[in-house]
Amino acid sequence: MTTVKENFVRCTFYELCVRYHSWDFTFSMEVNYPSGRSDWEMTGKYHTKYKDTKTIIEFKYVPAKDADKVLSLQAPLETDAAKVTGYKNDVLQMFPHFAVETYVIYVAGNKGFRLFRGSKKL
């Protein structure tokens, strides 16, 4: 279930990306797949050097009081990594030639964030 604050973070990210990168990419939220519904996606447009690429992001928001739990993570939680891996596999079933990157972003209130590519900390 998406929280109000997670939705705010996701929609703000979406709006900024559309504003500054829409000439190269299309953006989507809540894309349905057999394995679930992705939070956020970016797909390269066919006439750009980014064609046949897709980025999938899973956003997670925790309140500031729980920030220490998220800010100390060295890898995404298994359930979150499994979600984006499932979405990636679903995309590759439909578009095997795509290059797909996955990320998990944890936002900890106003205390900070953690960004992981697939299952690795960036």
PDB file of N, CA and C in Angstrom:
ATOM      1  N   MET A   1       0.829  -1.176   0.000  1.00  0.00           N
ATOM      2  CA  MET A   1       0.000   0.000   0.000  1.00  0.00           C
ATOM      3  C   MET A   1       0.880   1.248   0.000  1.00  0.00           C
ATOM      4  N   THR A   2       0.555   2.203  -0.831  1.00  0.00           N
ATOM      5  CA  THR A   2       1.312   3.429  -0.950  1.00  0.00           C
ATOM      6  C   THR A   2       0.839   4.433   0.094  1.00  0.00           C
ATOM      7  N   THR A   3       1.784   4.993   0.842  1.00  0.00           N
ATOM      8  CA  THR A   3       1.429   6.019   1.822  1.00  0.00           C
ATOM      9  C   THR A   3       1.317   7.369   1.118  1.00  0.00           C
ATOM     10  N   VAL A   4       0.683   8.310   1.789  1.00  0.00           N
ATOM     11  CA  VAL A   4       0.533   9.654   1.230  1.00  0.00           C
ATOM     12  C   VAL A   4       1.902  10.286   1.002  1.00  0.00           C
ATOM     13  N   LYS A   5       2.805  10.128   1.943  1.00  0.00           N
ATOM     14  CA  LYS A   5       4.130  10.745   1.806  1.00  0.00           C
ATOM     15  C   LYS A   5       4.959  10.057   0.725  1.00  0.00           C
ATOM     16  N   GLU A   6       4.825   8.742   0.601  1.00  0.00           N
ATOM     17  CA  GLU A   6       5.521   8.039  -0.488  1.00  0.00           C
ATOM     18  C   GLU A   6       4.990   8.515  -1.834  1.00  0.00           C
ATOM     19  N   ASN A   7       3.702   8.692  -1.922  1.00  0.00           N
ATOM     20  CA  ASN A   7       3.099   9.170  -3.160  1.00  0.00           C
ATOM     21  C   ASN A   7       3.594  10.586  -3.489  1.00  0.00           C
ATOM     22  N   PHE A   8       3.743  11.435  -2.482  1.00  0.00           N
ATOM     23  CA  PHE A   8       4.268  12.788  -2.696  1.00  0.00           C
ATOM     24  C   PHE A   8       5.678  12.727  -3.266  1.00  0.00           C
ATOM     25  N   VAL A   9       6.532  11.899  -2.681  1.00  0.00           N
ATOM     26  CA  VAL A   9       7.917  11.768  -3.152  1.00  0.00           C
ATOM     27  C   VAL A   9       7.934  11.257  -4.585  1.00  0.00           C
ATOM     28  N   ARG A  10       7.157  10.228  -4.842  1.00  0.00           N
ATOM     29  CA  ARG A  10       7.106   9.627  -6.177  1.00  0.00           C
ATOM     30  C   ARG A  10       6.591  10.620  -7.211  1.00  0.00           C
ATOM     31  N   CYS A  11       5.528  11.341  -6.890  1.00  0.00           N
ATOM     32  CA  CYS A  11       4.948  12.304  -7.839  1.00  0.00           C
ATOM     33  C   CYS A  11       5.871  13.494  -8.074  1.00  0.00           C
ATOM     34  N   THR A  12       6.571  13.930  -7.040  1.00  0.00           N
ATOM     35  CA  THR A  12       7.533  15.025  -7.201  1.00  0.00           C
ATOM     36  C   THR A  12       8.678  14.585  -8.111  1.00  0.00           C
ATOM     37  N   PHE A  13       9.173  13.386  -7.897  1.00  0.00           N
ATOM     38  CA  PHE A  13      10.230  12.834  -8.747  1.00  0.00           C
ATOM     39  C   PHE A  13       9.748  12.746 -10.194  1.00  0.00           C
ATOM     40  N   TYR A  14       8.543  12.256 -10.370  1.00  0.00           N
ATOM     41  CA  TYR A  14       7.939  12.141 -11.698  1.00  0.00           C
ATOM     42  C   TYR A  14       7.868  13.515 -12.376  1.00  0.00           C
ATOM     43  N   GLU A  15       7.357  14.509 -11.662  1.00  0.00           N
ATOM     44  CA  GLU A  15       7.189  15.843 -12.241  1.00  0.00           C
ATOM     45  C   GLU A  15       8.532  16.444 -12.660  1.00  0.00           C
ATOM     46  N   LEU A  16       9.551  16.294 -11.840  1.00  0.00           N
ATOM     47  CA  LEU A  16      10.867  16.835 -12.190  1.00  0.00           C
ATOM     48  C   LEU A  16      11.467  16.119 -13.396  1.00  0.00           C
ATOM     49  N   CYS A  17      11.311  14.818 -13.449  1.00  0.00           N
ATOM     50  CA  CYS A  17      11.833  14.069 -14.593  1.00  0.00           C
ATOM     51  C   CYS A  17      11.113  14.444 -15.881  1.00  0.00           C
ATOM     52  N   VAL A  18       9.794  14.569 -15.816  1.00  0.00           N
ATOM     53  CA  VAL A  18       9.030  14.967 -17.008  1.00  0.00           C
ATOM     54  C   VAL A  18       9.452  16.357 -17.458  1.00  0.00           C
ATOM     55  N   ARG A  19       9.648  17.232 -16.517  1.00  0.00           N
ATOM     56  CA  ARG A  19      10.017  18.612 -16.846  1.00  0.00           C
ATOM     57  C   ARG A  19      11.353  18.693 -17.577  1.00  0.00           C
ATOM     58  N   TYR A  20      12.321  17.888 -17.143  1.00  0.00           N
ATOM     59  CA  TYR A  20      13.676  18.049 -17.660  1.00  0.00           C
ATOM     60  C   TYR A  20      14.153  16.944 -18.608  1.00  0.00           C
ATOM     61  N   HIS A  21      13.427  15.834 -18.700  1.00  0.00           N
ATOM     62  CA  HIS A  21      13.921  14.726 -19.519  1.00  0.00           C
ATOM     63  C   HIS A  21      12.899  14.144 -20.480  1.00  0.00           C
ATOM     64  N   SER A  22      11.794  14.810 -20.683  1.00  0.00           N
ATOM     65  CA  SER A  22      10.737  14.232 -21.516  1.00  0.00           C
ATOM     66  C   SER A  22      11.092  14.193 -23.002  1.00  0.00           C
ATOM     67  N   TRP A  23      12.123  14.864 -23.439  1.00  0.00           N
ATOM     68  CA  TRP A  23      12.512  14.788 -24.845  1.00  0.00           C
ATOM     69  C   TRP A  23      13.198  13.446 -25.154  1.00  0.00           C
ATOM     70  N   ASP A  24      13.724  12.775 -24.127  1.00  0.00           N
ATOM     71  CA  ASP A  24      14.402  11.494 -24.331  1.00  0.00           C
ATOM     72  C   ASP A  24      13.646  10.288 -23.772  1.00  0.00           C
ATOM     73  N   PHE A  25      12.720  10.519 -22.849  1.00  0.00           N
ATOM     74  CA  PHE A  25      12.074   9.413 -22.147  1.00  0.00           C
ATOM     75  C   PHE A  25      10.572   9.635 -21.998  1.00  0.00           C
ATOM     76  N   THR A  26       9.850   8.529 -21.828  1.00  0.00           N
ATOM     77  CA  THR A  26       8.466   8.583 -21.354  1.00  0.00           C
ATOM     78  C   THR A  26       8.478   8.055 -19.924  1.00  0.00           C
ATOM     79  N   PHE A  27       7.545   8.523 -19.119  1.00  0.00           N
ATOM     80  CA  PHE A  27       7.505   8.187 -17.706  1.00  0.00           C
ATOM     81  C   PHE A  27       6.154   7.598 -17.348  1.00  0.00           C
ATOM     82  N   SER A  28       6.169   6.647 -16.445  1.00  0.00           N
ATOM     83  CA  SER A  28       4.934   5.987 -16.028  1.00  0.00           C
ATOM     84  C   SER A  28       5.003   5.694 -14.532  1.00  0.00           C
ATOM     85  N   MET A  29       3.825   5.675 -13.906  1.00  0.00           N
ATOM     86  CA  MET A  29       3.716   5.254 -12.520  1.00  0.00           C
ATOM     87  C   MET A  29       2.644   4.174 -12.442  1.00  0.00           C
ATOM     88  N   GLU A  30       2.836   3.275 -11.487  1.00  0.00           N
ATOM     89  CA  GLU A  30       1.860   2.217 -11.236  1.00  0.00           C
ATOM     90  C   GLU A  30       1.589   1.362 -12.477  1.00  0.00           C
ATOM     91  N   VAL A  31       2.647   0.850 -13.080  1.00  0.00           N
ATOM     92  CA  VAL A  31       2.518  -0.014 -14.256  1.00  0.00           C
ATOM     93  C   VAL A  31       2.225  -1.437 -13.770  1.00  0.00           C
ATOM     94  N   ASN A  32       1.184  -2.052 -14.335  1.00  0.00           N
ATOM     95  CA  ASN A  32       0.778  -3.400 -13.937  1.00  0.00           C
ATOM     96  C   ASN A  32       1.579  -4.467 -14.672  1.00  0.00           C
ATOM     97  N   TYR A  33       2.059  -5.444 -13.908  1.00  0.00           N
ATOM     98  CA  TYR A  33       2.764  -6.605 -14.432  1.00  0.00           C
ATOM     99  C   TYR A  33       2.196  -7.853 -13.765  1.00  0.00           C
ATOM    100  N   PRO A  34       2.487  -9.016 -14.308  1.00  0.00           N
ATOM    101  CA  PRO A  34       2.044 -10.245 -13.639  1.00  0.00           C
ATOM    102  C   PRO A  34       2.563 -10.355 -12.197  1.00  0.00           C
ATOM    103  N   SER A  35       3.756  -9.823 -11.934  1.00  0.00           N
ATOM    104  CA  SER A  35       4.342  -9.930 -10.593  1.00  0.00           C
ATOM    105  C   SER A  35       3.928  -8.797  -9.658  1.00  0.00           C
ATOM    106  N   GLY A  36       3.209  -7.802 -10.157  1.00  0.00           N
ATOM    107  CA  GLY A  36       2.784  -6.691  -9.297  1.00  0.00           C
ATOM    108  C   GLY A  36       2.733  -5.381 -10.049  1.00  0.00           C
ATOM    109  N   ARG A  37       2.752  -4.300  -9.297  1.00  0.00           N
ATOM    110  CA  ARG A  37       2.631  -2.967  -9.888  1.00  0.00           C
ATOM    111  C   ARG A  37       3.860  -2.141  -9.520  1.00  0.00           C
ATOM    112  N   SER A  38       4.582  -1.689 -10.530  1.00  0.00           N
ATOM    113  CA  SER A  38       5.794  -0.908 -10.280  1.00  0.00           C
ATOM    114  C   SER A  38       5.433   0.501  -9.821  1.00  0.00           C
ATOM    115  N   ASP A  39       6.304   1.100  -9.016  1.00  0.00           N
ATOM    116  CA  ASP A  39       6.055   2.463  -8.535  1.00  0.00           C
ATOM    117  C   ASP A  39       6.290   3.500  -9.630  1.00  0.00           C
ATOM    118  N   TRP A  40       7.410   3.351 -10.350  1.00  0.00           N
ATOM    119  CA  TRP A  40       7.830   4.404 -11.276  1.00  0.00           C
ATOM    120  C   TRP A  40       8.698   3.787 -12.366  1.00  0.00           C
ATOM    121  N   GLU A  41       8.509   4.265 -13.606  1.00  0.00           N
ATOM    122  CA  GLU A  41       9.305   3.765 -14.728  1.00  0.00           C
ATOM    123  C   GLU A  41       9.668   4.871 -15.700  1.00  0.00           C
ATOM    124  N   MET A  42      10.782   4.663 -16.360  1.00  0.00           N
ATOM    125  CA  MET A  42      11.264   5.572 -17.390  1.00  0.00           C
ATOM    126  C   MET A  42      11.691   4.712 -18.576  1.00  0.00           C
ATOM    127  N   THR A  43      11.158   5.015 -19.766  1.00  0.00           N
ATOM    128  CA  THR A  43      11.466   4.241 -20.970  1.00  0.00           C
ATOM    129  C   THR A  43      12.034   5.180 -22.027  1.00  0.00           C
ATOM    130  N   GLY A  44      13.144   4.782 -22.631  1.00  0.00           N
ATOM    131  CA  GLY A  44      13.763   5.590 -23.675  1.00  0.00           C
ATOM    132  C   GLY A  44      12.890   5.667 -24.917  1.00  0.00           C
ATOM    133  N   LYS A  45      12.801   6.867 -25.506  1.00  0.00           N
ATOM    134  CA  LYS A  45      12.009   7.050 -26.728  1.00  0.00           C
ATOM    135  C   LYS A  45      12.752   6.458 -27.928  1.00  0.00           C
ATOM    136  N   TYR A  46      11.984   5.995 -28.891  1.00  0.00           N
ATOM    137  CA  TYR A  46      12.536   5.255 -30.028  1.00  0.00           C
ATOM    138  C   TYR A  46      13.520   6.059 -30.865  1.00  0.00           C
ATOM    139  N   HIS A  47      13.397   7.373 -30.915  1.00  0.00           N
ATOM    140  CA  HIS A  47      14.255   8.185 -31.776  1.00  0.00           C
ATOM    141  C   HIS A  47      15.492   8.723 -31.049  1.00  0.00           C
ATOM    142  N   THR A  48      15.770   8.205 -29.861  1.00  0.00           N
ATOM    143  CA  THR A  48      16.917   8.685 -29.085  1.00  0.00           C
ATOM    144  C   THR A  48      17.931   7.569 -28.878  1.00  0.00           C
ATOM    145  N   LYS A  49      19.070   7.943 -28.349  1.00  0.00           N
ATOM    146  CA  LYS A  49      20.087   6.930 -28.041  1.00  0.00           C
ATOM    147  C   LYS A  49      19.667   6.048 -26.866  1.00  0.00           C
ATOM    148  N   TYR A  50      18.572   6.395 -26.183  1.00  0.00           N
ATOM    149  CA  TYR A  50      18.074   5.633 -25.036  1.00  0.00           C
ATOM    150  C   TYR A  50      16.997   4.619 -25.416  1.00  0.00           C
ATOM    151  N   LYS A  51      16.727   4.479 -26.720  1.00  0.00           N
ATOM    152  CA  LYS A  51      15.698   3.526 -27.139  1.00  0.00           C
ATOM    153  C   LYS A  51      16.043   2.140 -26.605  1.00  0.00           C
ATOM    154  N   ASP A  52      15.033   1.365 -26.346  1.00  0.00           N
ATOM    155  CA  ASP A  52      15.184   0.005 -25.832  1.00  0.00           C
ATOM    156  C   ASP A  52      15.829  -0.043 -24.449  1.00  0.00           C
ATOM    157  N   THR A  53      15.634   1.025 -23.662  1.00  0.00           N
ATOM    158  CA  THR A  53      16.090   1.028 -22.276  1.00  0.00           C
ATOM    159  C   THR A  53      14.894   1.316 -21.369  1.00  0.00           C
ATOM    160  N   LYS A  54      14.959   0.791 -20.179  1.00  0.00           N
ATOM    161  CA  LYS A  54      13.913   1.038 -19.192  1.00  0.00           C
ATOM    162  C   LYS A  54      14.544   1.065 -17.815  1.00  0.00           C
ATOM    163  N   THR A  55      14.092   1.982 -16.994  1.00  0.00           N
ATOM    164  CA  THR A  55      14.506   2.077 -15.601  1.00  0.00           C
ATOM    165  C   THR A  55      13.263   1.906 -14.740  1.00  0.00           C
ATOM    166  N   ILE A  56      13.362   1.038 -13.753  1.00  0.00           N
ATOM    167  CA  ILE A  56      12.251   0.771 -12.840  1.00  0.00           C
ATOM    168  C   ILE A  56      12.710   1.123 -11.426  1.00  0.00           C
ATOM    169  N   ILE A  57      11.883   1.917 -10.722  1.00  0.00           N
ATOM    170  CA  ILE A  57      12.219   2.332  -9.361  1.00  0.00           C
ATOM    171  C   ILE A  57      11.104   1.938  -8.402  1.00  0.00           C
ATOM    172  N   GLU A  58      11.508   1.385  -7.289  1.00  0.00           N
ATOM    173  CA  GLU A  58      10.606   1.098  -6.174  1.00  0.00           C
ATOM    174  C   GLU A  58      10.911   2.138  -5.086  1.00  0.00           C
ATOM    175  N   PHE A  59       9.925   2.946  -4.721  1.00  0.00           N
ATOM    176  CA  PHE A  59      10.078   3.944  -3.673  1.00  0.00           C
ATOM    177  C   PHE A  59       9.536   3.393  -2.358  1.00  0.00           C
ATOM    178  N   LYS A  60      10.245   3.682  -1.283  1.00  0.00           N
ATOM    179  CA  LYS A  60       9.774   3.328   0.057  1.00  0.00           C
ATOM    180  C   LYS A  60       9.982   4.537   0.963  1.00  0.00           C
ATOM    181  N   TYR A  61       8.935   4.909   1.675  1.00  0.00           N
ATOM    182  CA  TYR A  61       9.009   6.038   2.597  1.00  0.00           C
ATOM    183  C   TYR A  61       8.851   5.531   4.023  1.00  0.00           C
ATOM    184  N   VAL A  62       9.717   6.007   4.916  1.00  0.00           N
ATOM    185  CA  VAL A  62       9.562   5.722   6.337  1.00  0.00           C
ATOM    186  C   VAL A  62       9.581   7.044   7.088  1.00  0.00           C
ATOM    187  N   PRO A  63       8.837   7.150   8.177  1.00  0.00           N
ATOM    188  CA  PRO A  63       8.826   8.399   8.943  1.00  0.00           C
ATOM    189  C   PRO A  63      10.196   8.685   9.565  1.00  0.00           C
ATOM    190  N   ALA A  64      10.433   9.940   9.876  1.00  0.00           N
ATOM    191  CA  ALA A  64      11.728  10.366  10.423  1.00  0.00           C
ATOM    192  C   ALA A  64      12.096   9.586  11.679  1.00  0.00           C
ATOM    193  N   LYS A  65      11.112   9.218  12.493  1.00  0.00           N
ATOM    194  CA  LYS A  65      11.409   8.487  13.737  1.00  0.00           C
ATOM    195  C   LYS A  65      12.033   7.113  13.462  1.00  0.00           C
ATOM    196  N   ASP A  66      11.828   6.565  12.279  1.00  0.00           N
ATOM    197  CA  ASP A  66      12.399   5.267  11.905  1.00  0.00           C
ATOM    198  C   ASP A  66      13.582   5.406  10.943  1.00  0.00           C
ATOM    199  N   ALA A  67      14.110   6.611  10.828  1.00  0.00           N
ATOM    200  CA  ALA A  67      15.157   6.887   9.847  1.00  0.00           C
ATOM    201  C   ALA A  67      16.401   6.027  10.048  1.00  0.00           C
ATOM    202  N   ASP A  68      16.787   5.786  11.288  1.00  0.00           N
ATOM    203  CA  ASP A  68      18.015   5.020  11.544  1.00  0.00           C
ATOM    204  C   ASP A  68      17.970   3.639  10.910  1.00  0.00           C
ATOM    205  N   LYS A  69      16.796   3.019  10.899  1.00  0.00           N
ATOM    206  CA  LYS A  69      16.660   1.682  10.308  1.00  0.00           C
ATOM    207  C   LYS A  69      16.997   1.710   8.819  1.00  0.00           C
ATOM    208  N   VAL A  70      16.529   2.746   8.131  1.00  0.00           N
ATOM    209  CA  VAL A  70      16.730   2.842   6.684  1.00  0.00           C
ATOM    210  C   VAL A  70      18.117   3.363   6.349  1.00  0.00           C
ATOM    211  N   LEU A  71      18.567   4.363   7.076  1.00  0.00           N
ATOM    212  CA  LEU A  71      19.853   4.981   6.757  1.00  0.00           C
ATOM    213  C   LEU A  71      21.034   4.063   7.053  1.00  0.00           C
ATOM    214  N   SER A  72      20.834   3.019   7.840  1.00  0.00           N
ATOM    215  CA  SER A  72      21.916   2.074   8.128  1.00  0.00           C
ATOM    216  C   SER A  72      21.938   0.891   7.162  1.00  0.00           C
ATOM    217  N   LEU A  73      20.981   0.809   6.262  1.00  0.00           N
ATOM    218  CA  LEU A  73      20.937  -0.308   5.306  1.00  0.00           C
ATOM    219  C   LEU A  73      22.156  -0.290   4.386  1.00  0.00           C
ATOM    220  N   GLN A  74      22.703  -1.478   4.137  1.00  0.00           N
ATOM    221  CA  GLN A  74      23.810  -1.618   3.188  1.00  0.00           C
ATOM    222  C   GLN A  74      23.346  -2.243   1.879  1.00  0.00           C
ATOM    223  N   ALA A  75      22.116  -2.722   1.874  1.00  0.00           N
ATOM    224  CA  ALA A  75      21.493  -3.317   0.684  1.00  0.00           C
ATOM    225  C   ALA A  75      19.986  -3.159   0.856  1.00  0.00           C
ATOM    226  N   PRO A  76      19.249  -3.191  -0.230  1.00  0.00           N
ATOM    227  CA  PRO A  76      17.789  -3.075  -0.081  1.00  0.00           C
ATOM    228  C   PRO A  76      17.233  -4.306   0.634  1.00  0.00           C
ATOM    229  N   LEU A  77      16.092  -4.135   1.260  1.00  0.00           N
ATOM    230  CA  LEU A  77      15.430  -5.272   1.882  1.00  0.00           C
ATOM    231  C   LEU A  77      15.091  -6.294   0.809  1.00  0.00           C
ATOM    232  N   GLU A  78      15.159  -7.561   1.173  1.00  0.00           N
ATOM    233  CA  GLU A  78      14.935  -8.630   0.193  1.00  0.00           C
ATOM    234  C   GLU A  78      13.604  -8.494  -0.525  1.00  0.00           C
ATOM    235  N   THR A  79      12.565  -8.128   0.199  1.00  0.00           N
ATOM    236  CA  THR A  79      11.246  -8.020  -0.434  1.00  0.00           C
ATOM    237  C   THR A  79      11.221  -6.936  -1.493  1.00  0.00           C
ATOM    238  N   ASP A  80      11.904  -5.824  -1.239  1.00  0.00           N
ATOM    239  CA  ASP A  80      11.934  -4.720  -2.204  1.00  0.00           C
ATOM    240  C   ASP A  80      12.790  -5.066  -3.413  1.00  0.00           C
ATOM    241  N   ALA A  81      13.927  -5.697  -3.181  1.00  0.00           N
ATOM    242  CA  ALA A  81      14.781  -6.130  -4.299  1.00  0.00           C
ATOM    243  C   ALA A  81      14.052  -7.167  -5.152  1.00  0.00           C
ATOM    244  N   ALA A  82      13.309  -8.050  -4.496  1.00  0.00           N
ATOM    245  CA  ALA A  82      12.558  -9.070  -5.233  1.00  0.00           C
ATOM    246  C   ALA A  82      11.465  -8.442  -6.090  1.00  0.00           C
ATOM    247  N   LYS A  83      10.836  -7.385  -5.578  1.00  0.00           N
ATOM    248  CA  LYS A  83       9.791  -6.706  -6.356  1.00  0.00           C
ATOM    249  C   LYS A  83      10.347  -6.166  -7.668  1.00  0.00           C
ATOM    250  N   VAL A  84      11.423  -5.381  -7.585  1.00  0.00           N
ATOM    251  CA  VAL A  84      11.949  -4.778  -8.820  1.00  0.00           C
ATOM    252  C   VAL A  84      12.549  -5.824  -9.747  1.00  0.00           C
ATOM    253  N   THR A  85      13.089  -6.892  -9.191  1.00  0.00           N
ATOM    254  CA  THR A  85      13.593  -7.985 -10.026  1.00  0.00           C
ATOM    255  C   THR A  85      12.438  -8.657 -10.760  1.00  0.00           C
ATOM    256  N   GLY A  86      11.316  -8.831 -10.075  1.00  0.00           N
ATOM    257  CA  GLY A  86      10.132  -9.405 -10.721  1.00  0.00           C
ATOM    258  C   GLY A  86       9.636  -8.532 -11.855  1.00  0.00           C
ATOM    259  N   TYR A  87       9.582  -7.216 -11.626  1.00  0.00           N
ATOM    260  CA  TYR A  87       9.149  -6.295 -12.686  1.00  0.00           C
ATOM    261  C   TYR A  87      10.108  -6.350 -13.865  1.00  0.00           C
ATOM    262  N   LYS A  88      11.406  -6.400 -13.567  1.00  0.00           N
ATOM    263  CA  LYS A  88      12.412  -6.480 -14.634  1.00  0.00           C
ATOM    264  C   LYS A  88      12.209  -7.743 -15.460  1.00  0.00           C
ATOM    265  N   ASN A  89      12.004  -8.862 -14.800  1.00  0.00           N
ATOM    266  CA  ASN A  89      11.788 -10.116 -15.507  1.00  0.00           C
ATOM    267  C   ASN A  89      10.531 -10.066 -16.369  1.00  0.00           C
ATOM    268  N   ASP A  90       9.483  -9.412 -15.870  1.00  0.00           N
ATOM    269  CA  ASP A  90       8.251  -9.262 -16.652  1.00  0.00           C
ATOM    270  C   ASP A  90       8.499  -8.429 -17.906  1.00  0.00           C
ATOM    271  N   VAL A  91       9.251  -7.346 -17.762  1.00  0.00           N
ATOM    272  CA  VAL A  91       9.579  -6.498 -18.910  1.00  0.00           C
ATOM    273  C   VAL A  91      10.377  -7.298 -19.934  1.00  0.00           C
ATOM    274  N   LEU A  92      11.361  -8.061 -19.459  1.00  0.00           N
ATOM    275  CA  LEU A  92      12.207  -8.828 -20.379  1.00  0.00           C
ATOM    276  C   LEU A  92      11.437  -9.947 -21.068  1.00  0.00           C
ATOM    277  N   GLN A  93      10.358 -10.417 -20.481  1.00  0.00           N
ATOM    278  CA  GLN A  93       9.494 -11.390 -21.158  1.00  0.00           C
ATOM    279  C   GLN A  93       8.826 -10.751 -22.371  1.00  0.00           C
ATOM    280  N   MET A  94       8.423  -9.472 -22.207  1.00  0.00           N
ATOM    281  CA  MET A  94       7.747  -8.754 -23.290  1.00  0.00           C
ATOM    282  C   MET A  94       8.726  -8.159 -24.292  1.00  0.00           C
ATOM    283  N   PHE A  95       9.849  -7.658 -23.792  1.00  0.00           N
ATOM    284  CA  PHE A  95      10.841  -6.959 -24.620  1.00  0.00           C
ATOM    285  C   PHE A  95      12.232  -7.502 -24.297  1.00  0.00           C
ATOM    286  N   PRO A  96      12.579  -8.677 -24.813  1.00  0.00           N
ATOM    287  CA  PRO A  96      13.851  -9.303 -24.442  1.00  0.00           C
ATOM    288  C   PRO A  96      15.083  -8.501 -24.843  1.00  0.00           C
ATOM    289  N   HIS A  97      14.945  -7.595 -25.785  1.00  0.00           N
ATOM    290  CA  HIS A  97      16.088  -6.812 -26.252  1.00  0.00           C
ATOM    291  C   HIS A  97      16.329  -5.554 -25.403  1.00  0.00           C
ATOM    292  N   PHE A  98      15.449  -5.261 -24.454  1.00  0.00           N
ATOM    293  CA  PHE A  98      15.601  -4.067 -23.621  1.00  0.00           C
ATOM    294  C   PHE A  98      16.754  -4.235 -22.627  1.00  0.00           C
ATOM    295  N   ALA A  99      17.409  -3.122 -22.339  1.00  0.00           N
ATOM    296  CA  ALA A  99      18.350  -3.034 -21.221  1.00  0.00           C
ATOM    297  C   ALA A  99      17.559  -2.438 -20.061  1.00  0.00           C
ATOM    298  N   VAL A 100      17.395  -3.189 -18.984  1.00  0.00           N
ATOM    299  CA  VAL A 100      16.552  -2.761 -17.870  1.00  0.00           C
ATOM    300  C   VAL A 100      17.402  -2.583 -16.620  1.00  0.00           C
ATOM    301  N   GLU A 101      17.294  -1.407 -16.000  1.00  0.00           N
ATOM    302  CA  GLU A 101      17.957  -1.138 -14.727  1.00  0.00           C
ATOM    303  C   GLU A 101      16.896  -1.019 -13.653  1.00  0.00           C
ATOM    304  N   THR A 102      17.228  -1.475 -12.448  1.00  0.00           N
ATOM    305  CA  THR A 102      16.294  -1.386 -11.331  1.00  0.00           C
ATOM    306  C   THR A 102      16.940  -0.658 -10.162  1.00  0.00           C
ATOM    307  N   TYR A 103      16.116   0.072  -9.432  1.00  0.00           N
ATOM    308  CA  TYR A 103      16.573   0.808  -8.262  1.00  0.00           C
ATOM    309  C   TYR A 103      15.535   0.695  -7.150  1.00  0.00           C
ATOM    310  N   VAL A 104      16.018   0.778  -5.925  1.00  0.00           N
ATOM    311  CA  VAL A 104      15.157   0.918  -4.760  1.00  0.00           C
ATOM    312  C   VAL A 104      15.616   2.178  -4.047  1.00  0.00           C
ATOM    313  N   ILE A 105      14.675   3.093  -3.798  1.00  0.00           N
ATOM    314  CA  ILE A 105      14.984   4.342  -3.106  1.00  0.00           C
ATOM    315  C   ILE A 105      14.185   4.384  -1.813  1.00  0.00           C
ATOM    316  N   TYR A 106      14.905   4.497  -0.691  1.00  0.00           N
ATOM    317  CA  TYR A 106      14.277   4.653   0.619  1.00  0.00           C
ATOM    318  C   TYR A 106      14.394   6.115   1.034  1.00  0.00           C
ATOM    319  N   VAL A 107      13.278   6.725   1.351  1.00  0.00           N
ATOM    320  CA  VAL A 107      13.260   8.099   1.837  1.00  0.00           C
ATOM    321  C   VAL A 107      12.880   8.045   3.311  1.00  0.00           C
ATOM    322  N   ALA A 108      13.727   8.617   4.156  1.00  0.00           N
ATOM    323  CA  ALA A 108      13.531   8.556   5.603  1.00  0.00           C
ATOM    324  C   ALA A 108      13.122   9.927   6.127  1.00  0.00           C
ATOM    325  N   GLY A 109      11.829  10.217   6.030  1.00  0.00           N
ATOM    326  CA  GLY A 109      11.322  11.503   6.501  1.00  0.00           C
ATOM    327  C   GLY A 109      12.145  12.637   5.949  1.00  0.00           C
ATOM    328  N   ASN A 110      12.552  13.550   6.818  1.00  0.00           N
ATOM    329  CA  ASN A 110      13.416  14.654   6.409  1.00  0.00           C
ATOM    330  C   ASN A 110      14.858  14.407   6.838  1.00  0.00           C
ATOM    331  N   LYS A 111      15.195  13.149   7.083  1.00  0.00           N
ATOM    332  CA  LYS A 111      16.521  12.800   7.604  1.00  0.00           C
ATOM    333  C   LYS A 111      17.497  12.343   6.528  1.00  0.00           C
ATOM    334  N   GLY A 112      17.019  11.883   5.401  1.00  0.00           N
ATOM    335  CA  GLY A 112      17.924  11.416   4.358  1.00  0.00           C
ATOM    336  C   GLY A 112      17.281  10.351   3.487  1.00  0.00           C
ATOM    337  N   PHE A 113      18.099   9.727   2.666  1.00  0.00           N
ATOM    338  CA  PHE A 113      17.613   8.688   1.765  1.00  0.00           C
ATOM    339  C   PHE A 113      18.731   7.691   1.495  1.00  0.00           C
ATOM    340  N   ARG A 114      18.365   6.560   0.974  1.00  0.00           N
ATOM    341  CA  ARG A 114      19.308   5.543   0.502  1.00  0.00           C
ATOM    342  C   ARG A 114      18.853   5.114  -0.887  1.00  0.00           C
ATOM    343  N   LEU A 115      19.821   5.030  -1.786  1.00  0.00           N
ATOM    344  CA  LEU A 115      19.571   4.631  -3.177  1.00  0.00           C
ATOM    345  C   LEU A 115      20.370   3.367  -3.454  1.00  0.00           C
ATOM    346  N   PHE A 116      19.686   2.346  -3.948  1.00  0.00           N
ATOM    347  CA  PHE A 116      20.336   1.085  -4.284  1.00  0.00           C
ATOM    348  C   PHE A 116      20.034   0.745  -5.732  1.00  0.00           C
ATOM    349  N   ARG A 117      21.038   0.328  -6.461  1.00  0.00           N
ATOM    350  CA  ARG A 117      20.852  -0.184  -7.830  1.00  0.00           C
ATOM    351  C   ARG A 117      20.697  -1.687  -7.714  1.00  0.00           C
ATOM    352  N   GLY A 118      19.556  -2.183  -8.160  1.00  0.00           N
ATOM    353  CA  GLY A 118      19.308  -3.612  -8.026  1.00  0.00           C
ATOM    354  C   GLY A 118      19.432  -4.023  -6.584  1.00  0.00           C
ATOM    355  N   SER A 119      20.541  -4.633  -6.242  1.00  0.00           N
ATOM    356  CA  SER A 119      20.749  -5.048  -4.865  1.00  0.00           C
ATOM    357  C   SER A 119      22.026  -4.450  -4.285  1.00  0.00           C
ATOM    358  N   LYS A 120      22.555  -3.394  -4.929  1.00  0.00           N
ATOM    359  CA  LYS A 120      23.800  -2.809  -4.465  1.00  0.00           C
ATOM    360  C   LYS A 120      23.608  -1.350  -4.046  1.00  0.00           C
ATOM    361  N   LYS A 121      24.338  -0.956  -3.027  1.00  0.00           N
ATOM    362  CA  LYS A 121      24.289   0.429  -2.567  1.00  0.00           C
ATOM    363  C   LYS A 121      25.076   1.318  -3.513  1.00  0.00           C
ATOM    364  N   LEU A 122      24.519   2.489  -3.811  1.00  0.00           N
ATOM    365  CA  LEU A 122      25.231   3.456  -4.649  1.00  0.00           C
ATOM    366  C   LEU A 122      25.815   4.552  -3.789  1.00  0.00           C
TER     367      LEU A 122
END
